[in-house]
Amino acid sequence: MSDFKEGDVVRLKSGSPAFTIAWINQDRASVGATWFNEQAQKVEVQEVKISTLLKDED
């Protein structure tokens, strides 16, 4: 398992825009991912499984 921490910028392994990790669940199986939805002009939050993420290299 990767060493993710709050504030890390990540992407889905299958490809996606960048997300920022807002929180990590106690079981370390999922995180709260946030991003800015430009079309809706608001911040979005989604729970995402850690196994689907990679740290962003940009």
PDB file of N, CA and C in Angstrom:
ATOM      1  N   MET A   1       0.842  -1.186   0.000  1.00  0.00           N
ATOM      2  CA  MET A   1       0.000   0.000   0.000  1.00  0.00           C
ATOM      3  C   MET A   1       0.881   1.241   0.000  1.00  0.00           C
ATOM      4  N   SER A   2       0.463   2.241  -0.702  1.00  0.00           N
ATOM      5  CA  SER A   2       1.243   3.463  -0.817  1.00  0.00           C
ATOM      6  C   SER A   2       1.142   4.289   0.457  1.00  0.00           C
ATOM      7  N   ASP A   3       2.102   5.159   0.659  1.00  0.00           N
ATOM      8  CA  ASP A   3       2.130   6.016   1.835  1.00  0.00           C
ATOM      9  C   ASP A   3       1.460   7.347   1.536  1.00  0.00           C
ATOM     10  N   PHE A   4       0.156   7.349   1.328  1.00  0.00           N
ATOM     11  CA  PHE A   4      -0.574   8.577   1.082  1.00  0.00           C
ATOM     12  C   PHE A   4      -0.748   9.343   2.384  1.00  0.00           C
ATOM     13  N   LYS A   5      -0.806  10.674   2.257  1.00  0.00           N
ATOM     14  CA  LYS A   5      -1.092  11.519   3.418  1.00  0.00           C
ATOM     15  C   LYS A   5      -1.996  12.657   2.976  1.00  0.00           C
ATOM     16  N   GLU A   6      -2.651  13.284   3.946  1.00  0.00           N
ATOM     17  CA  GLU A   6      -3.517  14.422   3.639  1.00  0.00           C
ATOM     18  C   GLU A   6      -2.714  15.489   2.903  1.00  0.00           C
ATOM     19  N   GLY A   7      -3.319  16.040   1.868  1.00  0.00           N
ATOM     20  CA  GLY A   7      -2.656  17.067   1.072  1.00  0.00           C
ATOM     21  C   GLY A   7      -1.953  16.541  -0.162  1.00  0.00           C
ATOM     22  N   ASP A   8      -1.763  15.219  -0.264  1.00  0.00           N
ATOM     23  CA  ASP A   8      -1.147  14.647  -1.467  1.00  0.00           C
ATOM     24  C   ASP A   8      -2.045  14.870  -2.681  1.00  0.00           C
ATOM     25  N   VAL A   9      -1.422  15.111  -3.819  1.00  0.00           N
ATOM     26  CA  VAL A   9      -2.139  15.215  -5.082  1.00  0.00           C
ATOM     27  C   VAL A   9      -2.030  13.862  -5.772  1.00  0.00           C
ATOM     28  N   VAL A  10      -3.187  13.316  -6.156  1.00  0.00           N
ATOM     29  CA  VAL A  10      -3.251  11.968  -6.719  1.00  0.00           C
ATOM     30  C   VAL A  10      -4.119  11.960  -7.981  1.00  0.00           C
ATOM     31  N   ARG A  11      -4.038  10.860  -8.703  1.00  0.00           N
ATOM     32  CA  ARG A  11      -4.895  10.609  -9.876  1.00  0.00           C
ATOM     33  C   ARG A  11      -5.347   9.159  -9.823  1.00  0.00           C
ATOM     34  N   LEU A  12      -6.432   8.861 -10.524  1.00  0.00           N
ATOM     35  CA  LEU A  12      -6.853   7.471 -10.659  1.00  0.00           C
ATOM     36  C   LEU A  12      -5.848   6.728 -11.530  1.00  0.00           C
ATOM     37  N   LYS A  13      -5.595   5.472 -11.227  1.00  0.00           N
ATOM     38  CA  LYS A  13      -4.687   4.660 -12.039  1.00  0.00           C
ATOM     39  C   LYS A  13      -5.156   4.590 -13.482  1.00  0.00           C
ATOM     40  N   SER A  14      -6.446   4.644 -13.702  1.00  0.00           N
ATOM     41  CA  SER A  14      -7.008   4.553 -15.053  1.00  0.00           C
ATOM     42  C   SER A  14      -7.003   5.894 -15.782  1.00  0.00           C
ATOM     43  N   GLY A  15      -6.554   6.956 -15.097  1.00  0.00           N
ATOM     44  CA  GLY A  15      -6.507   8.286 -15.687  1.00  0.00           C
ATOM     45  C   GLY A  15      -7.630   9.158 -15.153  1.00  0.00           C
ATOM     46  N   SER A  16      -7.301  10.404 -14.819  1.00  0.00           N
ATOM     47  CA  SER A  16      -8.294  11.337 -14.290  1.00  0.00           C
ATOM     48  C   SER A  16      -7.643  12.698 -14.096  1.00  0.00           C
ATOM     49  N   PRO A  17      -8.458  13.714 -13.823  1.00  0.00           N
ATOM     50  CA  PRO A  17      -7.884  14.981 -13.359  1.00  0.00           C
ATOM     51  C   PRO A  17      -7.227  14.753 -11.990  1.00  0.00           C
ATOM     52  N   ALA A  18      -6.475  15.720 -11.535  1.00  0.00           N
ATOM     53  CA  ALA A  18      -5.813  15.622 -10.226  1.00  0.00           C
ATOM     54  C   ALA A  18      -6.826  15.829  -9.103  1.00  0.00           C
ATOM     55  N   PHE A  19      -6.652  15.058  -8.016  1.00  0.00           N
ATOM     56  CA  PHE A  19      -7.427  15.192  -6.794  1.00  0.00           C
ATOM     57  C   PHE A  19      -6.468  15.538  -5.659  1.00  0.00           C
ATOM     58  N   THR A  20      -6.980  16.144  -4.606  1.00  0.00           N
ATOM     59  CA  THR A  20      -6.210  16.356  -3.384  1.00  0.00           C
ATOM     60  C   THR A  20      -6.833  15.519  -2.279  1.00  0.00           C
ATOM     61  N   ILE A  21      -5.997  14.790  -1.541  1.00  0.00           N
ATOM     62  CA  ILE A  21      -6.506  13.975  -0.441  1.00  0.00           C
ATOM     63  C   ILE A  21      -6.840  14.896   0.729  1.00  0.00           C
ATOM     64  N   ALA A  22      -8.115  14.894   1.123  1.00  0.00           N
ATOM     65  CA  ALA A  22      -8.587  15.724   2.232  1.00  0.00           C
ATOM     66  C   ALA A  22      -8.553  14.974   3.557  1.00  0.00           C
ATOM     67  N   TRP A  23      -8.821  13.665   3.512  1.00  0.00           N
ATOM     68  CA  TRP A  23      -8.741  12.829   4.709  1.00  0.00           C
ATOM     69  C   TRP A  23      -8.483  11.389   4.302  1.00  0.00           C
ATOM     70  N   ILE A  24      -8.008  10.619   5.258  1.00  0.00           N
ATOM     71  CA  ILE A  24      -7.768   9.188   5.053  1.00  0.00           C
ATOM     72  C   ILE A  24      -8.586   8.445   6.102  1.00  0.00           C
ATOM     73  N   ASN A  25      -9.399   7.492   5.665  1.00  0.00           N
ATOM     74  CA  ASN A  25     -10.209   6.716   6.611  1.00  0.00           C
ATOM     75  C   ASN A  25      -9.315   5.906   7.526  1.00  0.00           C
ATOM     76  N   GLN A  26      -9.822   5.629   8.719  1.00  0.00           N
ATOM     77  CA  GLN A  26      -9.027   4.903   9.722  1.00  0.00           C
ATOM     78  C   GLN A  26      -8.544   3.556   9.225  1.00  0.00           C
ATOM     79  N   ASP A  27      -9.323   2.875   8.408  1.00  0.00           N
ATOM     80  CA  ASP A  27      -8.912   1.562   7.916  1.00  0.00           C
ATOM     81  C   ASP A  27      -7.900   1.660   6.773  1.00  0.00           C
ATOM     82  N   ARG A  28      -7.603   2.884   6.315  1.00  0.00           N
ATOM     83  CA  ARG A  28      -6.651   3.184   5.242  1.00  0.00           C
ATOM     84  C   ARG A  28      -7.032   2.505   3.922  1.00  0.00           C
ATOM     85  N   ALA A  29      -8.312   2.160   3.767  1.00  0.00           N
ATOM     86  CA  ALA A  29      -8.772   1.548   2.528  1.00  0.00           C
ATOM     87  C   ALA A  29      -9.298   2.592   1.541  1.00  0.00           C
ATOM     88  N   SER A  30      -9.659   3.775   2.057  1.00  0.00           N
ATOM     89  CA  SER A  30     -10.189   4.819   1.185  1.00  0.00           C
ATOM     90  C   SER A  30      -9.818   6.196   1.718  1.00  0.00           C
ATOM     91  N   VAL A  31      -9.972   7.173   0.831  1.00  0.00           N
ATOM     92  CA  VAL A  31      -9.655   8.561   1.179  1.00  0.00           C
ATOM     93  C   VAL A  31     -10.795   9.458   0.717  1.00  0.00           C
ATOM     94  N   GLY A  32     -10.836  10.642   1.261  1.00  0.00           N
ATOM     95  CA  GLY A  32     -11.707  11.687   0.751  1.00  0.00           C
ATOM     96  C   GLY A  32     -10.912  12.492  -0.255  1.00  0.00           C
ATOM     97  N   ALA A  33     -11.358  12.507  -1.489  1.00  0.00           N
ATOM     98  CA  ALA A  33     -10.655  13.212  -2.559  1.00  0.00           C
ATOM     99  C   ALA A  33     -11.443  14.472  -2.930  1.00  0.00           C
ATOM    100  N   THR A  34     -10.740  15.604  -3.048  1.00  0.00           N
ATOM    101  CA  THR A  34     -11.390  16.853  -3.424  1.00  0.00           C
ATOM    102  C   THR A  34     -10.789  17.380  -4.717  1.00  0.00           C
ATOM    103  N   TRP A  35     -11.599  18.093  -5.475  1.00  0.00           N
ATOM    104  CA  TRP A  35     -11.152  18.734  -6.707  1.00  0.00           C
ATOM    105  C   TRP A  35     -12.117  19.857  -7.031  1.00  0.00           C
ATOM    106  N   PHE A  36     -11.684  20.761  -7.898  1.00  0.00           N
ATOM    107  CA  PHE A  36     -12.547  21.853  -8.322  1.00  0.00           C
ATOM    108  C   PHE A  36     -13.210  21.479  -9.642  1.00  0.00           C
ATOM    109  N   ASN A  37     -14.526  21.460  -9.642  1.00  0.00           N
ATOM    110  CA  ASN A  37     -15.315  21.165 -10.834  1.00  0.00           C
ATOM    111  C   ASN A  37     -15.525  22.490 -11.575  1.00  0.00           C
ATOM    112  N   GLU A  38     -14.748  22.699 -12.618  1.00  0.00           N
ATOM    113  CA  GLU A  38     -14.818  23.966 -13.338  1.00  0.00           C
ATOM    114  C   GLU A  38     -16.170  24.186 -13.998  1.00  0.00           C
ATOM    115  N   GLN A  39     -16.783  23.142 -14.499  1.00  0.00           N
ATOM    116  CA  GLN A  39     -18.072  23.278 -15.167  1.00  0.00           C
ATOM    117  C   GLN A  39     -19.153  23.747 -14.188  1.00  0.00           C
ATOM    118  N   ALA A  40     -19.174  23.160 -12.992  1.00  0.00           N
ATOM    119  CA  ALA A  40     -20.170  23.524 -11.973  1.00  0.00           C
ATOM    120  C   ALA A  40     -19.711  24.687 -11.101  1.00  0.00           C
ATOM    121  N   GLN A  41     -18.420  25.065 -11.205  1.00  0.00           N
ATOM    122  CA  GLN A  41     -17.840  26.150 -10.415  1.00  0.00           C
ATOM    123  C   GLN A  41     -17.977  25.911  -8.908  1.00  0.00           C
ATOM    124  N   LYS A  42     -17.607  24.670  -8.489  1.00  0.00           N
ATOM    125  CA  LYS A  42     -17.631  24.363  -7.062  1.00  0.00           C
ATOM    126  C   LYS A  42     -16.641  23.250  -6.740  1.00  0.00           C
ATOM    127  N   VAL A  43     -16.309  23.156  -5.465  1.00  0.00           N
ATOM    128  CA  VAL A  43     -15.423  22.098  -4.976  1.00  0.00           C
ATOM    129  C   VAL A  43     -16.256  20.839  -4.774  1.00  0.00           C
ATOM    130  N   GLU A  44     -15.729  19.722  -5.253  1.00  0.00           N
ATOM    131  CA  GLU A  44     -16.392  18.427  -5.118  1.00  0.00           C
ATOM    132  C   GLU A  44     -15.592  17.554  -4.155  1.00  0.00           C
ATOM    133  N   VAL A  45     -16.272  16.617  -3.501  1.00  0.00           N
ATOM    134  CA  VAL A  45     -15.635  15.669  -2.583  1.00  0.00           C
ATOM    135  C   VAL A  45     -16.206  14.290  -2.880  1.00  0.00           C
ATOM    136  N   GLN A  46     -15.319  13.297  -2.951  1.00  0.00           N
ATOM    137  CA  GLN A  46     -15.762  11.923  -3.227  1.00  0.00           C
ATOM    138  C   GLN A  46     -14.869  10.960  -2.457  1.00  0.00           C
ATOM    139  N   GLU A  47     -15.457   9.933  -1.868  1.00  0.00           N
ATOM    140  CA  GLU A  47     -14.654   8.883  -1.238  1.00  0.00           C
ATOM    141  C   GLU A  47     -14.141   7.952  -2.325  1.00  0.00           C
ATOM    142  N   VAL A  48     -12.834   7.666  -2.294  1.00  0.00           N
ATOM    143  CA  VAL A  48     -12.181   6.874  -3.334  1.00  0.00           C
ATOM    144  C   VAL A  48     -11.314   5.800  -2.671  1.00  0.00           C
ATOM    145  N   LYS A  49     -11.343   4.591  -3.202  1.00  0.00           N
ATOM    146  CA  LYS A  49     -10.492   3.518  -2.666  1.00  0.00           C
ATOM    147  C   LYS A  49      -9.022   3.822  -2.961  1.00  0.00           C
ATOM    148  N   ILE A  50      -8.175   3.653  -1.967  1.00  0.00           N
ATOM    149  CA  ILE A  50      -6.737   3.908  -2.119  1.00  0.00           C
ATOM    150  C   ILE A  50      -6.136   3.020  -3.194  1.00  0.00           C
ATOM    151  N   SER A  51      -6.647   1.817  -3.356  1.00  0.00           N
ATOM    152  CA  SER A  51      -6.084   0.891  -4.343  1.00  0.00           C
ATOM    153  C   SER A  51      -6.230   1.386  -5.779  1.00  0.00           C
ATOM    154  N   THR A  52      -7.067   2.401  -6.005  1.00  0.00           N
ATOM    155  CA  THR A  52      -7.276   2.931  -7.354  1.00  0.00           C
ATOM    156  C   THR A  52      -6.433   4.160  -7.648  1.00  0.00           C
ATOM    157  N   LEU A  53      -5.588   4.611  -6.692  1.00  0.00           N
ATOM    158  CA  LEU A  53      -4.882   5.880  -6.820  1.00  0.00           C
ATOM    159  C   LEU A  53      -3.373   5.734  -7.024  1.00  0.00           C
ATOM    160  N   LEU A  54      -2.817   6.737  -7.695  1.00  0.00           N
ATOM    161  CA  LEU A  54      -1.384   6.926  -7.831  1.00  0.00           C
ATOM    162  C   LEU A  54      -1.047   8.359  -7.442  1.00  0.00           C
ATOM    163  N   LYS A  55       0.119   8.568  -6.822  1.00  0.00           N
ATOM    164  CA  LYS A  55       0.562   9.935  -6.554  1.00  0.00           C
ATOM    165  C   LYS A  55       0.824  10.646  -7.865  1.00  0.00           C
ATOM    166  N   ASP A  56       0.409  11.905  -7.940  1.00  0.00           N
ATOM    167  CA  ASP A  56       0.595  12.708  -9.150  1.00  0.00           C
ATOM    168  C   ASP A  56       2.060  13.122  -9.239  1.00  0.00           C
ATOM    169  N   GLU A  57       2.623  13.054 -10.421  1.00  0.00           N
ATOM    170  CA  GLU A  57       4.044  13.367 -10.623  1.00  0.00           C
ATOM    171  C   GLU A  57       4.284  14.791 -11.098  1.00  0.00           C
ATOM    172  N   ASP A  58       3.212  15.553 -11.386  1.00  0.00           N
ATOM    173  CA  ASP A  58       3.382  16.927 -11.899  1.00  0.00           C
ATOM    174  C   ASP A  58       3.874  17.873 -10.845  1.00  0.00           C
TER     175      ASP A  58
END
